[in-house]
N, C-alpha and C. Protein backbone atom coordinates (compact mmCIF):
# COMPACT_ATOMS: atom_id res chain seq x y z
N MET A 1 0.82 -1.33 -0.38
CA MET A 1 -0.01 -0.24 -0.24
C MET A 1 1.09 1.29 0.02
N GLU A 2 0.66 2.04 -1.01
CA GLU A 2 1.72 3.31 -1.01
C GLU A 2 0.59 4.42 -0.17
N LEU A 3 1.28 5.54 0.54
CA LEU A 3 0.64 6.23 1.69
C LEU A 3 1.52 7.42 1.36
N ILE A 4 1.02 8.99 1.23
CA ILE A 4 1.68 9.96 1.31
C ILE A 4 1.75 10.45 2.59
N LEU A 5 2.94 10.82 3.32
CA LEU A 5 3.17 11.09 4.87
C LEU A 5 2.71 12.55 4.75
N LYS A 6 1.96 12.86 5.62
CA LYS A 6 1.81 14.36 6.54
C LYS A 6 2.17 14.86 7.24
N GLN A 7 3.26 13.95 7.77
CA GLN A 7 4.16 14.53 9.24
C GLN A 7 5.13 13.51 9.10
N ASP A 8 6.32 13.60 9.56
CA ASP A 8 7.54 12.89 9.97
C ASP A 8 7.45 12.08 10.74
N VAL A 9 7.52 10.48 10.73
CA VAL A 9 6.91 9.11 10.91
C VAL A 9 8.31 8.46 11.64
N GLN A 10 8.75 8.40 12.75
CA GLN A 10 10.12 7.72 13.21
C GLN A 10 9.88 6.77 12.41
N ASN A 11 11.42 5.88 11.91
CA ASN A 11 11.26 4.43 11.25
C ASN A 11 10.90 4.27 10.19
N LEU A 12 9.91 5.65 9.31
CA LEU A 12 9.14 5.14 7.87
C LEU A 12 9.70 5.89 7.49
N GLY A 13 9.92 7.56 7.51
CA GLY A 13 10.06 8.74 6.46
C GLY A 13 9.48 9.84 7.14
N PHE A 14 9.91 11.04 6.19
CA PHE A 14 9.45 12.01 6.56
C PHE A 14 8.63 13.24 5.60
N LYS A 15 8.18 13.73 6.52
CA LYS A 15 6.86 14.60 5.75
C LYS A 15 6.85 14.57 4.23
N ASP A 16 5.93 14.34 3.48
CA ASP A 16 5.53 14.24 1.97
C ASP A 16 6.48 13.24 1.04
N ASP A 17 6.99 12.29 2.03
CA ASP A 17 7.29 11.09 1.48
C ASP A 17 6.19 10.19 0.93
N VAL A 18 6.85 9.57 -0.32
CA VAL A 18 5.85 8.13 -0.98
C VAL A 18 6.27 7.01 0.12
N VAL A 19 5.65 6.71 0.71
CA VAL A 19 6.33 5.44 1.36
C VAL A 19 5.10 4.04 1.32
N SER A 20 6.04 3.02 0.85
CA SER A 20 5.07 1.90 1.01
C SER A 20 5.11 0.93 2.14
N VAL A 21 3.81 0.27 2.68
CA VAL A 21 3.72 0.05 4.37
C VAL A 21 2.94 -0.84 3.87
N LYS A 22 2.76 -1.93 4.99
CA LYS A 22 1.65 -3.44 4.99
C LYS A 22 0.52 -2.66 4.79
N PRO A 23 -0.44 -3.14 4.26
CA PRO A 23 -2.29 -2.74 3.85
C PRO A 23 -2.65 -2.42 5.80
N GLY A 24 -2.60 -2.99 6.93
CA GLY A 24 -2.97 -3.11 8.00
C GLY A 24 -2.69 -1.90 8.76
N TYR A 25 -1.32 -1.69 8.72
CA TYR A 25 -0.32 -0.53 9.28
C TYR A 25 -1.11 0.55 8.72
N GLY A 26 -1.14 0.91 7.71
CA GLY A 26 -1.81 2.04 6.75
C GLY A 26 -3.17 2.22 6.92
N ARG A 27 -3.58 0.86 6.79
CA ARG A 27 -5.28 1.56 7.15
C ARG A 27 -5.65 1.82 8.55
N ASN A 28 -5.14 1.43 9.84
CA ASN A 28 -5.33 0.96 11.35
C ASN A 28 -4.53 1.75 12.19
N PHE A 29 -3.67 2.44 11.32
CA PHE A 29 -2.91 3.17 12.57
C PHE A 29 -2.60 4.64 11.40
N LEU A 30 -1.62 4.44 10.15
CA LEU A 30 -1.34 6.35 9.85
C LEU A 30 -2.52 7.04 9.07
N ILE A 31 -3.49 6.09 8.49
CA ILE A 31 -4.74 7.30 8.17
C ILE A 31 -5.19 7.45 9.08
N PRO A 32 -6.13 6.43 10.09
CA PRO A 32 -6.44 7.45 10.60
C PRO A 32 -6.10 8.07 12.07
N GLN A 33 -4.92 8.16 12.27
CA GLN A 33 -4.14 8.93 13.09
C GLN A 33 -3.45 10.23 12.41
N GLY A 34 -3.47 10.61 11.18
CA GLY A 34 -4.01 11.44 10.32
C GLY A 34 -2.49 11.53 9.82
N PHE A 35 -1.63 10.45 10.17
CA PHE A 35 -0.14 10.47 9.68
C PHE A 35 0.09 10.57 8.50
N ALA A 36 -1.27 9.83 7.63
CA ALA A 36 -0.42 9.44 6.21
C ALA A 36 -2.17 9.64 5.23
N THR A 37 -1.82 9.65 3.85
CA THR A 37 -3.09 9.47 3.02
C THR A 37 -2.84 9.06 1.90
N LEU A 38 -3.71 8.50 1.10
CA LEU A 38 -3.37 7.39 0.28
C LEU A 38 -2.96 8.15 -0.72
N ALA A 39 -1.75 7.32 -1.55
CA ALA A 39 -0.72 8.14 -2.35
C ALA A 39 -1.59 7.50 -4.13
N THR A 40 -2.65 8.32 -4.02
CA THR A 40 -3.35 8.44 -5.59
C THR A 40 -2.73 9.18 -6.67
N PRO A 41 -2.75 8.47 -7.72
CA PRO A 41 -2.41 9.46 -8.98
C PRO A 41 -2.69 10.90 -8.87
N SER A 42 -4.08 11.46 -8.69
CA SER A 42 -4.07 12.70 -8.61
C SER A 42 -3.38 13.53 -6.99
N ALA A 43 -3.40 12.66 -5.49
CA ALA A 43 -2.70 12.96 -5.02
C ALA A 43 -1.19 13.32 -4.94
N LYS A 44 -0.50 12.34 -5.92
CA LYS A 44 0.75 12.06 -6.13
C LYS A 44 1.08 13.63 -7.22
N LYS A 45 0.06 14.23 -8.37
CA LYS A 45 0.57 15.32 -9.05
C LYS A 45 0.56 16.47 -8.22
N VAL A 46 -0.86 16.32 -7.45
CA VAL A 46 -0.61 17.73 -6.21
C VAL A 46 0.88 17.90 -5.71
N LEU A 47 1.15 16.94 -5.10
CA LEU A 47 2.33 16.61 -4.04
C LEU A 47 3.36 16.84 -4.74
N ALA A 48 3.65 16.36 -6.32
CA ALA A 48 4.94 17.40 -7.09
C ALA A 48 5.04 18.95 -7.38
N GLU A 49 3.57 18.90 -7.76
CA GLU A 49 3.38 20.83 -7.76
C GLU A 49 4.27 21.09 -6.42
N ASN A 50 3.86 20.66 -5.40
CA ASN A 50 4.16 21.06 -4.20
C ASN A 50 5.80 21.10 -3.43
N LEU A 51 6.51 20.24 -4.11
CA LEU A 51 7.39 19.88 -3.72
C LEU A 51 8.31 20.79 -4.85
N LYS A 52 8.26 21.14 -5.93
CA LYS A 52 8.41 22.26 -7.04
C LYS A 52 8.39 23.23 -6.56
N GLN A 53 7.55 23.88 -5.73
CA GLN A 53 7.31 25.24 -5.09
C GLN A 53 8.16 25.32 -3.65
N ARG A 54 8.10 24.26 -2.83
CA ARG A 54 9.06 24.46 -1.59
C ARG A 54 10.87 23.93 -1.69
N ALA A 55 11.04 24.12 -2.93
CA ALA A 55 12.15 23.22 -3.32
C ALA A 55 13.35 24.67 -3.17
N HIS A 56 12.71 25.79 -3.33
CA HIS A 56 13.49 26.95 -3.14
C HIS A 56 13.77 27.32 -1.61
N LYS A 57 12.57 26.71 -0.79
CA LYS A 57 12.94 27.44 0.21
C LYS A 57 13.71 26.24 1.09
N GLU A 58 13.69 25.04 0.58
CA GLU A 58 14.22 23.80 0.98
C GLU A 58 15.62 24.14 1.39
N ALA A 59 16.29 24.86 0.69
CA ALA A 59 17.89 25.21 0.41
C ALA A 59 18.59 25.93 1.59
N LYS A 60 17.22 27.38 1.88
CA LYS A 60 17.67 28.23 2.98
C LYS A 60 17.61 27.44 4.26
N VAL A 61 16.48 26.23 4.47
CA VAL A 61 16.24 25.35 5.43
C VAL A 61 17.59 24.84 5.53
N VAL A 62 18.11 24.06 4.94
CA VAL A 62 19.05 23.11 4.94
C VAL A 62 20.41 24.17 5.44
N ALA A 63 20.63 25.14 4.81
CA ALA A 63 21.42 26.49 5.21
C ALA A 63 21.65 26.67 6.79
N ASP A 64 20.19 26.73 7.26
CA ASP A 64 20.30 27.49 8.49
C ASP A 64 20.46 25.59 9.25
N ALA A 65 20.01 25.02 8.91
CA ALA A 65 20.46 23.20 9.48
C ALA A 65 21.96 23.25 9.50
N LYS A 66 22.88 23.52 8.68
CA LYS A 66 24.20 23.13 8.62
C LYS A 66 24.84 24.01 9.49
N ALA A 67 24.48 25.49 9.52
CA ALA A 67 25.35 26.52 10.52
C ALA A 67 25.03 25.75 12.01
N LEU A 68 23.89 25.18 12.42
CA LEU A 68 23.61 25.04 13.66
C LEU A 68 24.08 23.97 13.98
N ALA A 69 24.51 22.97 12.66
CA ALA A 69 24.98 21.61 13.33
C ALA A 69 26.98 22.30 13.16
N GLU A 70 27.52 23.52 12.59
CA GLU A 70 28.66 23.51 13.03
C GLU A 70 28.69 23.84 14.82
N THR A 71 27.64 24.63 14.91
CA THR A 71 27.69 25.73 16.45
C THR A 71 27.21 24.33 17.07
N LEU A 72 26.85 23.05 16.91
CA LEU A 72 26.41 22.27 17.82
C LEU A 72 28.10 21.09 17.95
N LYS A 73 28.52 21.29 16.61
CA LYS A 73 29.92 20.70 16.85
C LYS A 73 30.79 21.41 17.78
N ALA A 74 30.63 22.52 17.65
CA ALA A 74 31.78 23.34 18.94
C ALA A 74 31.21 23.15 20.31
N LEU A 75 30.38 22.53 20.46
CA LEU A 75 29.41 23.02 21.53
C LEU A 75 29.90 21.99 23.04
N GLU A 76 30.19 21.88 23.89
CA GLU A 76 30.96 21.69 25.37
C GLU A 76 29.51 21.28 26.18
N ILE A 77 29.55 20.02 26.27
CA ILE A 77 28.12 19.77 26.89
C ILE A 77 28.92 19.22 28.21
N LYS A 78 28.05 19.65 29.56
CA LYS A 78 28.88 19.03 30.57
C LYS A 78 27.44 18.83 31.74
N LEU A 79 27.01 17.61 31.65
CA LEU A 79 26.23 17.19 32.80
C LEU A 79 26.03 17.04 33.78
N THR A 80 25.74 16.88 34.87
CA THR A 80 26.20 16.85 36.25
C THR A 80 25.14 15.53 36.48
N ALA A 81 25.19 14.42 37.23
CA ALA A 81 23.86 13.33 37.81
C ALA A 81 24.68 13.22 39.07
N LYS A 82 24.14 12.75 40.37
CA LYS A 82 24.13 11.95 41.43
C LYS A 82 24.85 10.90 40.63
N ALA A 83 25.83 10.65 40.92
CA ALA A 83 26.65 9.53 40.92
C ALA A 83 27.41 8.45 42.32
N GLY A 84 27.48 7.16 42.40
CA GLY A 84 28.20 6.75 43.17
C GLY A 84 29.75 6.06 42.78
N GLY A 85 30.59 6.62 42.45
CA GLY A 85 31.61 6.14 41.82
C GLY A 85 31.67 6.75 40.52
N GLU A 86 31.48 5.91 39.70
CA GLU A 86 31.22 5.98 38.13
C GLU A 86 30.02 5.68 37.62
N LYS A 87 29.01 4.90 38.60
CA LYS A 87 28.14 4.44 38.38
C LYS A 87 26.64 6.00 38.71
N LEU A 88 26.18 6.08 37.86
CA LEU A 88 24.91 6.82 38.19
C LEU A 88 23.89 6.79 39.07
N PHE A 89 23.19 7.25 39.67
CA PHE A 89 22.05 7.25 40.18
C PHE A 89 20.56 7.53 39.73
N GLY A 90 20.24 5.95 38.91
CA GLY A 90 19.74 6.92 37.06
C GLY A 90 20.27 6.70 35.93
N SER A 91 19.90 7.58 35.31
CA SER A 91 19.91 7.48 34.08
C SER A 91 20.37 8.89 33.02
N ILE A 92 21.32 8.70 31.86
CA ILE A 92 21.14 9.99 31.29
C ILE A 92 20.23 9.76 30.21
N THR A 93 19.15 10.68 29.31
CA THR A 93 18.45 10.00 28.22
C THR A 93 18.53 11.35 27.39
N ASN A 94 18.00 11.05 26.12
CA ASN A 94 17.81 12.07 25.33
C ASN A 94 16.89 13.50 25.90
N ILE A 95 16.26 13.34 26.99
CA ILE A 95 15.68 14.23 27.57
C ILE A 95 16.52 14.89 28.44
N ASP A 96 17.30 14.86 28.87
CA ASP A 96 18.60 15.49 29.73
C ASP A 96 19.18 16.33 28.62
N ILE A 97 20.02 15.13 27.66
CA ILE A 97 20.66 16.41 26.57
C ILE A 97 19.61 17.40 26.14
N ALA A 98 18.62 17.23 25.54
CA ALA A 98 17.32 18.38 25.05
C ALA A 98 17.26 19.71 26.25
N ASP A 99 17.67 19.46 27.29
CA ASP A 99 17.75 20.36 28.20
C ASP A 99 18.94 20.97 28.70
N ALA A 100 20.17 20.17 28.33
CA ALA A 100 21.18 20.81 28.18
C ALA A 100 21.34 21.54 27.19
N LEU A 101 20.65 21.35 25.96
CA LEU A 101 20.93 21.90 24.91
C LEU A 101 20.23 23.10 25.08
N GLU A 102 18.98 23.54 25.64
CA GLU A 102 18.01 24.22 25.38
C GLU A 102 18.65 25.68 26.51
N LYS A 103 19.21 24.96 27.55
CA LYS A 103 20.20 26.35 28.85
C LYS A 103 21.17 26.37 27.69
N SER A 104 21.89 26.08 26.80
CA SER A 104 23.02 26.91 26.15
C SER A 104 22.45 27.40 25.34
N GLY A 105 20.89 27.89 24.72
CA GLY A 105 20.48 28.89 23.94
C GLY A 105 20.46 27.81 22.74
N ASN A 106 20.27 26.57 22.46
CA ASN A 106 20.33 25.63 21.59
C ASN A 106 19.00 24.81 21.64
N ALA A 107 17.93 25.48 21.59
CA ALA A 107 16.55 24.37 21.98
C ALA A 107 16.52 23.46 20.38
N ILE A 108 16.45 22.04 21.10
CA ILE A 108 16.07 21.47 19.89
C ILE A 108 15.18 20.13 20.76
N ASP A 109 14.35 19.68 19.94
CA ASP A 109 13.28 18.76 20.58
C ASP A 109 14.17 17.56 20.87
N ARG A 110 13.58 16.65 21.68
CA ARG A 110 14.47 15.58 22.27
C ARG A 110 13.95 14.61 21.15
N LYS A 111 13.14 14.59 20.12
CA LYS A 111 12.63 13.14 19.15
C LYS A 111 13.60 13.30 18.35
N PHE A 112 14.68 14.32 18.12
CA PHE A 112 15.78 14.61 17.12
C PHE A 112 16.93 14.18 17.88
N ILE A 113 16.92 13.84 18.82
CA ILE A 113 18.36 13.55 19.70
C ILE A 113 18.21 12.14 19.71
N THR A 114 18.85 11.36 19.38
CA THR A 114 19.37 9.80 19.46
C THR A 114 20.49 9.58 20.12
N SER A 115 20.52 8.98 21.27
CA SER A 115 21.48 8.53 22.38
C SER A 115 21.07 7.12 23.14
N GLY A 116 21.12 6.58 23.37
CA GLY A 116 21.30 5.24 23.96
C GLY A 116 20.85 6.18 25.33
N ILE A 117 20.40 4.93 26.35
CA ILE A 117 20.46 5.74 27.79
C ILE A 117 22.22 5.39 28.83
N VAL A 118 22.55 5.95 29.45
CA VAL A 118 23.73 6.27 29.48
C VAL A 118 23.47 6.14 31.30
N LYS A 119 24.44 5.21 31.87
CA LYS A 119 24.57 4.77 33.03
C LYS A 119 25.97 5.05 33.83
N ARG A 120 26.55 5.83 33.02
CA ARG A 120 28.25 5.88 33.88
C ARG A 120 28.71 6.97 33.58
N THR A 121 29.52 7.79 34.06
CA THR A 121 30.02 9.12 33.99
C THR A 121 31.29 8.65 32.76
N GLY A 122 31.28 9.79 32.23
CA GLY A 122 32.36 9.42 31.07
C GLY A 122 31.90 10.51 29.97
N LYS A 123 32.89 10.12 28.83
CA LYS A 123 32.20 11.18 27.37
C LYS A 123 31.28 10.20 26.38
N TYR A 124 30.34 10.58 25.80
CA TYR A 124 29.52 10.31 24.88
C TYR A 124 29.39 10.64 23.78
N SER A 125 28.50 10.47 23.17
CA SER A 125 28.01 11.07 21.87
C SER A 125 26.30 10.68 21.36
N ALA A 126 26.38 11.71 21.06
CA ALA A 126 24.33 11.35 20.64
C ALA A 126 24.33 11.98 18.82
N SER A 127 23.57 11.53 18.35
CA SER A 127 22.82 12.00 16.89
C SER A 127 22.35 13.10 16.74
N VAL A 128 21.88 14.04 16.52
CA VAL A 128 21.26 14.79 16.28
C VAL A 128 20.71 15.48 15.16
N ARG A 129 19.32 14.76 14.65
CA ARG A 129 18.59 15.13 13.36
C ARG A 129 17.84 16.32 13.14
N LEU A 130 18.58 17.60 12.32
CA LEU A 130 18.49 18.79 12.51
C LEU A 130 17.55 18.81 11.26
N HIS A 131 17.69 18.16 10.22
CA HIS A 131 17.22 18.06 8.81
C HIS A 131 17.56 16.57 8.46
N ARG A 132 16.51 16.32 7.65
CA ARG A 132 16.81 15.40 6.97
C ARG A 132 17.82 14.44 6.33
N ASP A 133 18.66 16.06 5.64
CA ASP A 133 19.75 15.67 4.87
C ASP A 133 21.46 16.56 6.12
N VAL A 134 20.78 16.58 7.43
CA VAL A 134 21.72 17.69 8.30
C VAL A 134 21.58 16.73 9.61
N ILE A 135 22.64 15.64 9.65
CA ILE A 135 22.65 15.24 11.05
C ILE A 135 23.93 15.40 11.82
N VAL A 136 24.27 15.71 13.03
CA VAL A 136 25.33 16.14 13.52
C VAL A 136 25.37 15.23 14.64
N GLU A 137 26.67 14.96 15.36
CA GLU A 137 27.54 14.20 16.37
C GLU A 137 27.53 15.07 17.14
N LEU A 138 26.85 14.90 18.09
CA LEU A 138 27.06 16.07 19.56
C LEU A 138 27.84 15.31 20.69
N ALA A 139 29.06 16.01 21.21
CA ALA A 139 29.62 15.06 22.13
C ALA A 139 28.99 15.75 23.32
N TYR A 140 28.95 14.74 24.21
CA TYR A 140 28.59 15.72 25.96
C TYR A 140 29.63 14.47 27.13
N GLU A 141 29.71 15.47 28.24
CA GLU A 141 30.45 14.48 29.06
C GLU A 141 29.66 14.47 30.19
N ILE A 142 29.65 13.70 31.52
CA ILE A 142 28.52 13.03 32.26
C ILE A 142 29.46 13.09 33.44
N VAL A 143 29.50 14.24 34.56
CA VAL A 143 30.35 13.87 35.54
C VAL A 143 29.43 14.17 37.23
N ALA A 144 30.24 13.29 37.67
CA ALA A 144 29.39 13.07 39.35
C ALA A 144 29.45 14.47 39.92
N GLU A 145 27.72 14.82 40.49
CA GLU A 145 27.75 15.81 41.65
C GLU A 145 28.44 15.75 42.74
N LYS A 146 28.84 17.06 42.92
CA LYS A 146 29.99 17.23 44.32
C LYS A 146 28.85 17.77 45.47
């Protein structure tokens, strides 16, 4: 079943992508939740026209995302957490990284930050998807509270 995505769907595609999914997933989840519409020939023509109109706007968005990526590469983030030795009491997730980025003046939604659950102090990295074409590795360090 071919669908046109109305918004970004994690592990499937981005807004305005034409994707193939199993019929049950499309009929029972994506279409009722408003994430997608059927990819009929007329809908594909309308989509193609809209994409042409947005192509020049896209270049500016990509340039802004690349500029932000350079800022994030240069950023040094230190997260503090309670720890016993090297082991944390709790864990550090993408939510904590998003909060630290917001405090540094770079607000990024936590959904676009991919990092594992970290339970030890040390230096780590996380992937930040700023745009479908711009993904940056963000280095951060976890230190124990004193």
